């Protein structure tokens, strides 16, 4: 015969309520014991009857040890929760500060580009102008430095080409079959001795036999 489903509500009959309490208490303590043995778990059960009578079970030698462990665990959890809440609040504050800084930078950038100047005072306009002058001065100095570096590189390249041209000329003149008065040799010699700031041209060729 199938067992009827028990409704989860207070048993009104005192005798039936006491019998049910006794049976379920014994079953609960038995299940706690089985859980501690089968799963090697630390289990503690505390039961107070309606009349205040205490029933307990502990898988350790003293139930107080399990209670102390529970308190330490809950305290650690509470401490961790509090630290996490503080960390989240600090992150939110840092995010708010960063958003405020970004907003100020955007306003400053718009003013430097000539926008949103209607609400600026004379002193603010003067400060913006001075800042633009300083920025323009820095840009000009950097541009002049880059141009100077390019000029030095071109001059070094020119000197290298002149040296190579002189070596080629000397090699051609050292050839016994080549006349020093040949027109092409004369042209090479004249180009190698010409010192200008313009482009250096190199003519390489063998003398006609």
C-alpha atoms as a PDB file:
ATOM      1  CA  UNK A   1       0.000   0.000   0.000  1.00  0.00           C
ATOM      2  CA  UNK A   2       1.415   3.406  -1.018  1.00  0.00           C
ATOM      3  CA  UNK A   3       2.314   5.823   1.712  1.00  0.00           C
ATOM      4  CA  UNK A   4       0.241   8.992   1.752  1.00  0.00           C
ATOM      5  CA  UNK A   5       1.837  12.358   1.210  1.00  0.00           C
ATOM      6  CA  UNK A   6       2.354  14.272   4.442  1.00  0.00           C
ATOM      7  CA  UNK A   7       1.307  17.902   4.417  1.00  0.00           C
ATOM      8  CA  UNK A   8       4.005  20.284   5.642  1.00  0.00           C
ATOM      9  CA  UNK A   9       2.137  22.019   8.418  1.00  0.00           C
ATOM     10  CA  UNK A  10       2.020  21.900  12.193  1.00  0.00           C
ATOM     11  CA  UNK A  11       0.437  18.762  13.640  1.00  0.00           C
ATOM     12  CA  UNK A  12      -2.389  19.856  15.853  1.00  0.00           C
ATOM     13  CA  UNK A  13      -2.669  16.661  17.897  1.00  0.00           C
ATOM     14  CA  UNK A  14      -0.078  16.783  20.685  1.00  0.00           C
ATOM     15  CA  UNK A  15       0.387  12.983  20.870  1.00  0.00           C
ATOM     16  CA  UNK A  16       0.843  12.628  17.132  1.00  0.00           C
ATOM     17  CA  UNK A  17       3.171  15.611  17.117  1.00  0.00           C
ATOM     18  CA  UNK A  18       5.365  14.052  19.822  1.00  0.00           C
ATOM     19  CA  UNK A  19       5.495  10.681  18.050  1.00  0.00           C
ATOM     20  CA  UNK A  20       6.425  12.341  14.763  1.00  0.00           C
ATOM     21  CA  UNK A  21       9.085  14.404  16.485  1.00  0.00           C
ATOM     22  CA  UNK A  22      10.652  11.334  18.071  1.00  0.00           C
ATOM     23  CA  UNK A  23      10.690   9.353  14.813  1.00  0.00           C
ATOM     24  CA  UNK A  24      12.016  12.148  12.629  1.00  0.00           C
ATOM     25  CA  UNK A  25      14.589  13.207  15.206  1.00  0.00           C
ATOM     26  CA  UNK A  26      15.982   9.674  15.313  1.00  0.00           C
ATOM     27  CA  UNK A  27      16.031   9.508  11.524  1.00  0.00           C
ATOM     28  CA  UNK A  28      17.723  12.892  11.232  1.00  0.00           C
ATOM     29  CA  UNK A  29      20.479  11.973  13.687  1.00  0.00           C
ATOM     30  CA  UNK A  30      20.968   8.651  11.906  1.00  0.00           C
ATOM     31  CA  UNK A  31      21.320  10.406   8.540  1.00  0.00           C
ATOM     32  CA  UNK A  32      23.827  12.848  10.057  1.00  0.00           C
ATOM     33  CA  UNK A  33      25.899   9.943  11.370  1.00  0.00           C
ATOM     34  CA  UNK A  34      25.809   8.177   7.995  1.00  0.00           C
ATOM     35  CA  UNK A  35      26.841  11.372   6.198  1.00  0.00           C
ATOM     36  CA  UNK A  36      29.830  11.868   8.492  1.00  0.00           C
ATOM     37  CA  UNK A  37      31.016   8.240   8.085  1.00  0.00           C
ATOM     38  CA  UNK A  38      30.370   7.744   4.353  1.00  0.00           C
ATOM     39  CA  UNK A  39      31.630  11.139   3.208  1.00  0.00           C
ATOM     40  CA  UNK A  40      34.219  11.868   5.916  1.00  0.00           C
ATOM     41  CA  UNK A  41      32.393  15.120   6.680  1.00  0.00           C
ATOM     42  CA  UNK A  42      32.310  17.105   9.873  1.00  0.00           C
ATOM     43  CA  UNK A  43      28.643  17.154  10.911  1.00  0.00           C
ATOM     44  CA  UNK A  44      26.918  18.689  13.898  1.00  0.00           C
ATOM     45  CA  UNK A  45      23.182  18.677  14.629  1.00  0.00           C
ATOM     46  CA  UNK A  46      21.418  20.599  17.412  1.00  0.00           C
ATOM     47  CA  UNK A  47      17.733  20.032  18.127  1.00  0.00           C
ATOM     48  CA  UNK A  48      15.509  21.632  20.745  1.00  0.00           C
ATOM     49  CA  UNK A  49      12.134  20.065  21.396  1.00  0.00           C
ATOM     50  CA  UNK A  50       8.996  22.082  21.972  1.00  0.00           C
ATOM     51  CA  UNK A  51       9.553  21.792  25.711  1.00  0.00           C
ATOM     52  CA  UNK A  52      13.199  22.969  25.398  1.00  0.00           C
ATOM     53  CA  UNK A  53      14.916  19.590  25.661  1.00  0.00           C
ATOM     54  CA  UNK A  54      18.262  19.441  23.865  1.00  0.00           C
ATOM     55  CA  UNK A  55      19.296  16.710  21.413  1.00  0.00           C
ATOM     56  CA  UNK A  56      22.599  16.907  19.605  1.00  0.00           C
ATOM     57  CA  UNK A  57      25.006  14.938  17.458  1.00  0.00           C
ATOM     58  CA  UNK A  58      28.592  15.687  16.479  1.00  0.00           C
ATOM     59  CA  UNK A  59      31.013  13.733  14.345  1.00  0.00           C
ATOM     60  CA  UNK A  60      33.905  15.198  16.374  1.00  0.00           C
ATOM     61  CA  UNK A  61      34.722  14.660  20.011  1.00  0.00           C
ATOM     62  CA  UNK A  62      32.975  17.894  21.014  1.00  0.00           C
ATOM     63  CA  UNK A  63      30.224  19.732  19.245  1.00  0.00           C
ATOM     64  CA  UNK A  64      31.737  23.014  20.452  1.00  0.00           C
ATOM     65  CA  UNK A  65      34.686  22.531  18.079  1.00  0.00           C
ATOM     66  CA  UNK A  66      32.318  22.360  15.136  1.00  0.00           C
ATOM     67  CA  UNK A  67      30.469  25.433  16.385  1.00  0.00           C
ATOM     68  CA  UNK A  68      33.745  27.368  16.737  1.00  0.00           C
ATOM     69  CA  UNK A  69      34.717  26.331  13.235  1.00  0.00           C
ATOM     70  CA  UNK A  70      31.359  27.520  11.957  1.00  0.00           C
ATOM     71  CA  UNK A  71      31.807  30.882  13.654  1.00  0.00           C
ATOM     72  CA  UNK A  72      35.288  31.337  12.183  1.00  0.00           C
ATOM     73  CA  UNK A  73      33.984  30.439   8.760  1.00  0.00           C
ATOM     74  CA  UNK A  74      31.096  32.898   8.961  1.00  0.00           C
ATOM     75  CA  UNK A  75      33.415  35.618  10.276  1.00  0.00           C
ATOM     76  CA  UNK A  76      35.851  35.040   7.412  1.00  0.00           C
ATOM     77  CA  UNK A  77      32.976  35.164   4.947  1.00  0.00           C
ATOM     78  CA  UNK A  78      31.681  38.374   6.480  1.00  0.00           C
ATOM     79  CA  UNK A  79      35.156  39.924   6.400  1.00  0.00           C
ATOM     80  CA  UNK A  80      35.614  38.914   2.773  1.00  0.00           C
ATOM     81  CA  UNK A  81      32.203  40.315   1.892  1.00  0.00           C
ATOM     82  CA  UNK A  82      33.017  43.607   3.584  1.00  0.00           C
ATOM     83  CA  UNK A  83      36.375  43.867   1.819  1.00  0.00           C
ATOM     84  CA  UNK A  84      34.746  43.144  -1.526  1.00  0.00           C
ATOM     85  CA  UNK A  85      32.137  45.834  -0.922  1.00  0.00           C
ATOM     86  CA  UNK A  86      34.860  48.351  -0.082  1.00  0.00           C
ATOM     87  CA  UNK A  87      36.807  47.342  -3.194  1.00  0.00           C
ATOM     88  CA  UNK A  88      33.721  47.805  -5.380  1.00  0.00           C
ATOM     89  CA  UNK A  89      33.032  51.208  -3.833  1.00  0.00           C
ATOM     90  CA  UNK A  90      36.632  52.251  -4.479  1.00  0.00           C
ATOM     91  CA  UNK A  91      36.374  51.141  -8.107  1.00  0.00           C
ATOM     92  CA  UNK A  92      33.149  53.090  -8.536  1.00  0.00           C
ATOM     93  CA  UNK A  93      34.786  56.202  -7.068  1.00  0.00           C
ATOM     94  CA  UNK A  94      37.807  55.833  -9.359  1.00  0.00           C
ATOM     95  CA  UNK A  95      35.489  55.401 -12.334  1.00  0.00           C
ATOM     96  CA  UNK A  96      33.581  58.555 -11.395  1.00  0.00           C
ATOM     97  CA  UNK A  97      36.823  60.534 -11.022  1.00  0.00           C
ATOM     98  CA  UNK A  98      38.082  59.260 -14.370  1.00  0.00           C
ATOM     99  CA  UNK A  99      34.837  60.228 -16.101  1.00  0.00           C
ATOM    100  CA  UNK A 100      35.079  63.719 -14.601  1.00  0.00           C
ATOM    101  CA  UNK A 101      38.688  64.097 -15.808  1.00  0.00           C
ATOM    102  CA  UNK A 102      37.745  62.916 -19.302  1.00  0.00           C
ATOM    103  CA  UNK A 103      34.892  65.424 -19.404  1.00  0.00           C
ATOM    104  CA  UNK A 104      37.228  68.259 -18.381  1.00  0.00           C
ATOM    105  CA  UNK A 105      39.768  67.217 -21.009  1.00  0.00           C
ATOM    106  CA  UNK A 106      37.086  67.158 -23.697  1.00  0.00           C
ATOM    107  CA  UNK A 107      35.928  70.662 -22.728  1.00  0.00           C
ATOM    108  CA  UNK A 108      39.531  71.907 -22.769  1.00  0.00           C
ATOM    109  CA  UNK A 109      40.112  70.330 -26.191  1.00  0.00           C
ATOM    110  CA  UNK A 110      37.006  71.987 -27.626  1.00  0.00           C
ATOM    111  CA  UNK A 111      38.159  75.349 -26.313  1.00  0.00           C
ATOM    112  CA  UNK A 112      41.628  74.893 -27.800  1.00  0.00           C
ATOM    113  CA  UNK A 113      40.005  74.141 -31.169  1.00  0.00           C
ATOM    114  CA  UNK A 114      38.042  77.387 -30.975  1.00  0.00           C
ATOM    115  CA  UNK A 115      34.709  75.940 -29.845  1.00  0.00           C
ATOM    116  CA  UNK A 116      32.559  76.700 -26.799  1.00  0.00           C
ATOM    117  CA  UNK A 117      34.297  80.041 -26.147  1.00  0.00           C
ATOM    118  CA  UNK A 118      31.091  81.983 -25.466  1.00  0.00           C
ATOM    119  CA  UNK A 119      31.157  81.259 -21.734  1.00  0.00           C
ATOM    120  CA  UNK A 120      34.892  81.977 -21.314  1.00  0.00           C
ATOM    121  CA  UNK A 121      36.102  85.078 -19.521  1.00  0.00           C
ATOM    122  CA  UNK A 122      38.871  87.337 -20.708  1.00  0.00           C
ATOM    123  CA  UNK A 123      41.397  85.648 -18.443  1.00  0.00           C
ATOM    124  CA  UNK A 124      40.406  82.218 -19.774  1.00  0.00           C
ATOM    125  CA  UNK A 125      40.726  83.439 -23.377  1.00  0.00           C
ATOM    126  CA  UNK A 126      44.169  84.840 -22.577  1.00  0.00           C
ATOM    127  CA  UNK A 127      45.235  81.540 -20.965  1.00  0.00           C
ATOM    128  CA  UNK A 128      44.020  79.567 -23.997  1.00  0.00           C
ATOM    129  CA  UNK A 129      45.940  81.928 -26.316  1.00  0.00           C
ATOM    130  CA  UNK A 130      49.131  81.568 -24.276  1.00  0.00           C
ATOM    131  CA  UNK A 131      48.786  77.791 -24.289  1.00  0.00           C
ATOM    132  CA  UNK A 132      48.348  77.770 -28.075  1.00  0.00           C
ATOM    133  CA  UNK A 133      51.450  79.973 -28.451  1.00  0.00           C
ATOM    134  CA  UNK A 134      53.487  77.583 -26.332  1.00  0.00           C
ATOM    135  CA  UNK A 135      52.225  74.627 -28.332  1.00  0.00           C
ATOM    136  CA  UNK A 136      52.998  76.377 -31.632  1.00  0.00           C
ATOM    137  CA  UNK A 137      56.504  77.230 -30.412  1.00  0.00           C
ATOM    138  CA  UNK A 138      57.142  73.590 -29.510  1.00  0.00           C
ATOM    139  CA  UNK A 139      55.874  72.461 -32.910  1.00  0.00           C
ATOM    140  CA  UNK A 140      58.155  74.915 -34.713  1.00  0.00           C
ATOM    141  CA  UNK A 141      61.187  73.791 -32.704  1.00  0.00           C
ATOM    142  CA  UNK A 142      60.467  70.166 -33.529  1.00  0.00           C
ATOM    143  CA  UNK A 143      59.975  70.994 -37.204  1.00  0.00           C
ATOM    144  CA  UNK A 144      63.274  72.889 -37.320  1.00  0.00           C
ATOM    145  CA  UNK A 145      65.046  69.968 -35.672  1.00  0.00           C
ATOM    146  CA  UNK A 146      63.642  67.510 -38.219  1.00  0.00           C
ATOM    147  CA  UNK A 147      64.652  69.768 -41.125  1.00  0.00           C
ATOM    148  CA  UNK A 148      68.156  70.128 -39.695  1.00  0.00           C
ATOM    149  CA  UNK A 149      68.449  66.347 -39.373  1.00  0.00           C
ATOM    150  CA  UNK A 150      67.358  65.903 -42.997  1.00  0.00           C
ATOM    151  CA  UNK A 151      69.914  68.481 -44.186  1.00  0.00           C
ATOM    152  CA  UNK A 152      72.698  66.717 -42.279  1.00  0.00           C
ATOM    153  CA  UNK A 153      71.681  63.379 -43.804  1.00  0.00           C
ATOM    154  CA  UNK A 154      71.695  64.863 -47.325  1.00  0.00           C
ATOM    155  CA  UNK A 155      75.094  66.455 -46.740  1.00  0.00           C
ATOM    156  CA  UNK A 156      76.504  63.162 -45.502  1.00  0.00           C
ATOM    157  CA  UNK A 157      75.077  61.424 -48.550  1.00  0.00           C
ATOM    158  CA  UNK A 158      76.623  64.087 -50.810  1.00  0.00           C
ATOM    159  CA  UNK A 159      80.045  63.601 -49.237  1.00  0.00           C
ATOM    160  CA  UNK A 160      79.750  59.851 -49.661  1.00  0.00           C
ATOM    161  CA  UNK A 161      78.871  60.220 -53.342  1.00  0.00           C
ATOM    162  CA  UNK A 162      81.795  62.602 -53.886  1.00  0.00           C
ATOM    163  CA  UNK A 163      84.204  60.151 -52.287  1.00  0.00           C
ATOM    164  CA  UNK A 164      82.857  57.311 -54.420  1.00  0.00           C
ATOM    165  CA  UNK A 165      83.106  59.470 -57.532  1.00  0.00           C
ATOM    166  CA  UNK A 166      86.732  60.356 -56.717  1.00  0.00           C
ATOM    167  CA  UNK A 167      87.598  56.664 -56.282  1.00  0.00           C
ATOM    168  CA  UNK A 168      86.017  55.792 -59.617  1.00  0.00           C
ATOM    169  CA  UNK A 169      87.884  58.642 -61.307  1.00  0.00           C
ATOM    170  CA  UNK A 170      91.177  57.491 -59.833  1.00  0.00           C
ATOM    171  CA  UNK A 171      90.475  53.958 -61.001  1.00  0.00           C
ATOM    172  CA  UNK A 172      89.757  55.144 -64.534  1.00  0.00           C
ATOM    173  CA  UNK A 173      92.908  57.303 -64.647  1.00  0.00           C
ATOM    174  CA  UNK A 174      94.989  54.391 -63.379  1.00  0.00           C
ATOM    175  CA  UNK A 175      94.023  52.349 -66.477  1.00  0.00           C
ATOM    176  CA  UNK A 176      97.000  52.499 -68.924  1.00  0.00           C
ATOM    177  CA  UNK A 177      94.742  52.283 -71.956  1.00  0.00           C
ATOM    178  CA  UNK A 178      92.757  55.356 -70.981  1.00  0.00           C
ATOM    179  CA  UNK A 179      93.927  58.859 -71.831  1.00  0.00           C
ATOM    180  CA  UNK A 180      93.777  61.496 -69.142  1.00  0.00           C
ATOM    181  CA  UNK A 181      92.754  64.022 -71.757  1.00  0.00           C
ATOM    182  CA  UNK A 182      89.736  62.024 -72.911  1.00  0.00           C
ATOM    183  CA  UNK A 183      86.569  64.138 -72.912  1.00  0.00           C
ATOM    184  CA  UNK A 184      84.727  61.743 -70.667  1.00  0.00           C
ATOM    185  CA  UNK A 185      87.549  61.650 -68.139  1.00  0.00           C
ATOM    186  CA  UNK A 186      87.660  65.425 -68.202  1.00  0.00           C
ATOM    187  CA  UNK A 187      83.917  65.518 -67.554  1.00  0.00           C
ATOM    188  CA  UNK A 188      84.251  63.113 -64.628  1.00  0.00           C
ATOM    189  CA  UNK A 189      87.122  65.172 -63.201  1.00  0.00           C
ATOM    190  CA  UNK A 190      85.235  68.428 -63.524  1.00  0.00           C
ATOM    191  CA  UNK A 191      82.107  66.972 -61.887  1.00  0.00           C
ATOM    192  CA  UNK A 192      84.106  65.506 -58.993  1.00  0.00           C
ATOM    193  CA  UNK A 193      85.719  68.878 -58.236  1.00  0.00           C
ATOM    194  CA  UNK A 194      82.487  70.846 -58.428  1.00  0.00           C
ATOM    195  CA  UNK A 195      81.243  71.710 -54.932  1.00  0.00           C
ATOM    196  CA  UNK A 196      77.598  72.800 -54.886  1.00  0.00           C
ATOM    197  CA  UNK A 197      74.624  72.484 -52.549  1.00  0.00           C
ATOM    198  CA  UNK A 198      72.478  70.948 -55.281  1.00  0.00           C
ATOM    199  CA  UNK A 199      72.168  67.366 -56.490  1.00  0.00           C
ATOM    200  CA  UNK A 200      75.414  65.465 -57.221  1.00  0.00           C
ATOM    201  CA  UNK A 201      75.402  63.483 -60.482  1.00  0.00           C
ATOM    202  CA  UNK A 202      77.699  60.545 -61.202  1.00  0.00           C
ATOM    203  CA  UNK A 203      78.841  59.553 -64.713  1.00  0.00           C
ATOM    204  CA  UNK A 204      80.404  56.107 -65.036  1.00  0.00           C
ATOM    205  CA  UNK A 205      81.649  54.771 -68.361  1.00  0.00           C
ATOM    206  CA  UNK A 206      84.610  53.234 -70.179  1.00  0.00           C
ATOM    207  CA  UNK A 207      86.793  55.232 -72.528  1.00  0.00           C
ATOM    208  CA  UNK A 208      86.299  54.606 -76.208  1.00  0.00           C
ATOM    209  CA  UNK A 209      89.129  52.610 -77.731  1.00  0.00           C
END
